[in-house]
């Protein structure tokens, strides 16, 4: 199933890697009995799509109003 992947940072940067990404693997590690942190990694395969934008970028026209 295709997944849209976008990441928006608190300061406004928006990263978009497109609408056609497929989950290819999941890895799980850590989480020992001593309270260690768990790490889960999701890997996706997709197409050559990447856009990065920021609302304060002067090359992007301001919205009307």
N, C-alpha and C. Protein backbone atom coordinates (compact mmCIF):
# COMPACT_ATOMS: atom_id res chain seq x y z
N UNK A 1 0.84 -1.17 0.00
CA UNK A 1 0.00 0.00 0.00
C UNK A 1 0.89 1.24 0.00
N UNK A 2 0.60 2.18 -0.86
CA UNK A 2 1.37 3.42 -0.94
C UNK A 2 1.08 4.31 0.27
N UNK A 3 2.13 4.98 0.77
CA UNK A 3 2.01 5.88 1.90
C UNK A 3 2.58 7.25 1.53
N UNK A 4 1.89 8.31 1.90
CA UNK A 4 2.39 9.69 1.77
C UNK A 4 3.28 9.95 2.99
N UNK A 5 4.48 10.48 2.77
CA UNK A 5 5.37 10.79 3.89
C UNK A 5 5.71 12.27 3.85
N UNK A 6 5.32 12.98 4.91
CA UNK A 6 5.69 14.38 5.09
C UNK A 6 6.14 14.56 6.53
N UNK A 7 7.10 15.44 6.72
CA UNK A 7 7.61 15.77 8.05
C UNK A 7 7.56 17.28 8.20
N UNK A 8 6.92 17.76 9.26
CA UNK A 8 6.89 19.19 9.51
C UNK A 8 7.57 19.46 10.85
N UNK A 9 8.61 20.28 10.81
CA UNK A 9 9.37 20.64 12.01
C UNK A 9 8.66 21.77 12.74
N UNK A 10 8.94 21.92 14.02
CA UNK A 10 8.32 22.95 14.83
C UNK A 10 8.57 24.35 14.29
N UNK A 11 9.76 24.61 13.71
CA UNK A 11 10.07 25.95 13.22
C UNK A 11 9.51 26.21 11.82
N UNK A 12 8.81 25.23 11.23
CA UNK A 12 8.11 25.48 9.99
C UNK A 12 8.60 24.73 8.77
N UNK A 13 9.81 24.17 8.80
CA UNK A 13 10.31 23.44 7.63
C UNK A 13 9.41 22.24 7.34
N UNK A 14 9.06 22.08 6.06
CA UNK A 14 8.23 20.97 5.62
C UNK A 14 9.02 20.14 4.62
N UNK A 15 9.17 18.84 4.91
CA UNK A 15 9.87 17.90 4.02
C UNK A 15 8.82 16.93 3.49
N UNK A 16 8.76 16.78 2.18
CA UNK A 16 7.79 15.90 1.54
C UNK A 16 8.55 14.94 0.63
N UNK A 17 8.39 13.64 0.85
CA UNK A 17 9.06 12.66 0.00
C UNK A 17 8.08 11.94 -0.93
N UNK A 18 6.90 12.53 -1.11
CA UNK A 18 5.97 12.04 -2.12
C UNK A 18 4.93 11.07 -1.62
N UNK A 19 3.99 10.73 -2.51
CA UNK A 19 2.84 9.91 -2.13
C UNK A 19 2.99 8.41 -2.37
N UNK A 20 4.07 7.98 -3.00
CA UNK A 20 4.17 6.57 -3.37
C UNK A 20 5.35 5.89 -2.68
N UNK A 21 5.21 5.67 -1.38
CA UNK A 21 6.25 5.02 -0.59
C UNK A 21 5.69 3.74 0.00
N UNK A 22 6.48 2.68 -0.06
CA UNK A 22 6.05 1.38 0.46
C UNK A 22 6.97 0.95 1.60
N UNK A 23 6.36 0.48 2.69
CA UNK A 23 7.12 -0.03 3.82
C UNK A 23 7.88 -1.28 3.37
N UNK A 24 9.22 -1.26 3.54
CA UNK A 24 10.02 -2.40 3.09
C UNK A 24 10.55 -3.24 4.25
N UNK A 25 10.75 -2.63 5.45
CA UNK A 25 11.19 -3.43 6.58
C UNK A 25 10.99 -2.65 7.88
N UNK A 26 10.94 -3.41 8.98
CA UNK A 26 10.86 -2.84 10.32
C UNK A 26 11.88 -3.56 11.17
N UNK A 27 12.71 -2.79 11.90
CA UNK A 27 13.67 -3.41 12.82
C UNK A 27 13.39 -2.89 14.22
N UNK A 28 13.64 -3.75 15.20
CA UNK A 28 13.38 -3.45 16.60
C UNK A 28 14.62 -3.84 17.39
N UNK A 29 15.09 -2.96 18.24
CA UNK A 29 16.28 -3.29 19.03
C UNK A 29 16.28 -2.59 20.37
N UNK A 30 17.08 -3.10 21.28
CA UNK A 30 17.21 -2.49 22.59
C UNK A 30 16.13 -2.97 23.54
N UNK A 31 15.86 -2.13 24.56
CA UNK A 31 14.82 -2.46 25.53
C UNK A 31 15.21 -3.57 26.47
N UNK A 32 16.40 -3.48 27.06
CA UNK A 32 16.85 -4.53 27.97
C UNK A 32 16.10 -4.45 29.30
N UNK A 33 16.31 -5.45 30.15
CA UNK A 33 15.62 -5.53 31.45
C UNK A 33 16.03 -4.39 32.38
N UNK A 34 17.13 -3.71 32.11
CA UNK A 34 17.58 -2.61 32.95
C UNK A 34 16.94 -1.28 32.60
N UNK A 35 15.95 -1.28 31.73
CA UNK A 35 15.25 -0.04 31.38
C UNK A 35 15.84 0.68 30.19
N UNK A 36 16.64 -0.01 29.38
CA UNK A 36 17.23 0.61 28.20
C UNK A 36 16.19 1.04 27.19
N UNK A 37 16.54 2.02 26.38
CA UNK A 37 15.62 2.53 25.35
C UNK A 37 15.43 1.53 24.23
N UNK A 38 14.25 1.55 23.65
CA UNK A 38 13.91 0.73 22.49
C UNK A 38 14.03 1.61 21.25
N UNK A 39 14.54 1.04 20.17
CA UNK A 39 14.61 1.74 18.89
C UNK A 39 13.83 0.93 17.86
N UNK A 40 12.90 1.58 17.18
CA UNK A 40 12.16 0.96 16.09
C UNK A 40 12.48 1.77 14.84
N UNK A 41 12.90 1.10 13.77
CA UNK A 41 13.23 1.76 12.52
C UNK A 41 12.32 1.24 11.42
N UNK A 42 11.64 2.15 10.75
CA UNK A 42 10.79 1.81 9.61
C UNK A 42 11.53 2.24 8.35
N UNK A 43 11.70 1.33 7.42
CA UNK A 43 12.36 1.65 6.15
C UNK A 43 11.32 1.60 5.02
N UNK A 44 11.37 2.63 4.18
CA UNK A 44 10.44 2.73 3.06
C UNK A 44 11.23 2.80 1.77
N UNK A 45 10.65 2.28 0.71
CA UNK A 45 11.21 2.50 -0.62
C UNK A 45 10.22 3.37 -1.39
N UNK A 46 10.77 4.25 -2.21
CA UNK A 46 9.90 5.18 -2.93
C UNK A 46 10.54 5.61 -4.22
N UNK A 47 10.01 6.68 -4.78
CA UNK A 47 10.48 7.20 -6.03
C UNK A 47 11.28 8.47 -5.78
N UNK A 48 11.91 9.00 -6.79
CA UNK A 48 12.77 10.17 -6.65
C UNK A 48 11.96 11.45 -6.54
N UNK A 49 11.32 11.61 -5.38
CA UNK A 49 10.53 12.80 -5.09
C UNK A 49 11.02 13.36 -3.77
N UNK A 50 11.37 14.65 -3.76
CA UNK A 50 11.75 15.31 -2.52
C UNK A 50 11.51 16.79 -2.68
N UNK A 51 10.76 17.36 -1.75
CA UNK A 51 10.62 18.81 -1.73
C UNK A 51 10.79 19.27 -0.29
N UNK A 52 11.47 20.39 -0.13
CA UNK A 52 11.71 20.99 1.17
C UNK A 52 11.29 22.44 1.07
N UNK A 53 10.47 22.89 2.01
CA UNK A 53 9.98 24.27 1.97
C UNK A 53 9.94 24.83 3.39
N UNK A 54 9.99 26.15 3.48
CA UNK A 54 9.87 26.85 4.75
C UNK A 54 8.99 28.07 4.52
N UNK A 55 8.07 28.36 5.45
CA UNK A 55 7.16 29.49 5.24
C UNK A 55 7.86 30.84 5.13
N UNK A 56 9.08 30.97 5.61
CA UNK A 56 9.80 32.24 5.52
C UNK A 56 10.76 32.29 4.33
N UNK A 57 10.69 31.31 3.44
CA UNK A 57 11.53 31.29 2.24
C UNK A 57 11.09 32.41 1.32
N UNK A 58 11.97 33.35 0.99
CA UNK A 58 11.57 34.48 0.15
C UNK A 58 11.21 34.09 -1.29
N UNK A 59 11.58 32.90 -1.74
CA UNK A 59 11.26 32.51 -3.11
C UNK A 59 9.84 31.97 -3.24
N UNK A 60 9.14 31.78 -2.12
CA UNK A 60 7.77 31.29 -2.14
C UNK A 60 6.84 32.49 -1.98
N UNK A 61 5.90 32.68 -2.91
CA UNK A 61 5.00 33.84 -2.80
C UNK A 61 4.13 33.74 -1.55
N UNK A 62 3.89 34.87 -0.91
CA UNK A 62 3.03 34.93 0.26
C UNK A 62 1.59 34.67 -0.14
N UNK A 63 0.81 33.98 0.71
CA UNK A 63 -0.60 33.74 0.38
C UNK A 63 -1.37 35.05 0.35
N UNK A 64 -2.41 35.13 -0.47
CA UNK A 64 -3.18 36.38 -0.55
C UNK A 64 -3.88 36.69 0.76
N UNK A 65 -4.07 37.97 1.03
CA UNK A 65 -4.84 38.39 2.20
C UNK A 65 -3.98 38.82 3.27
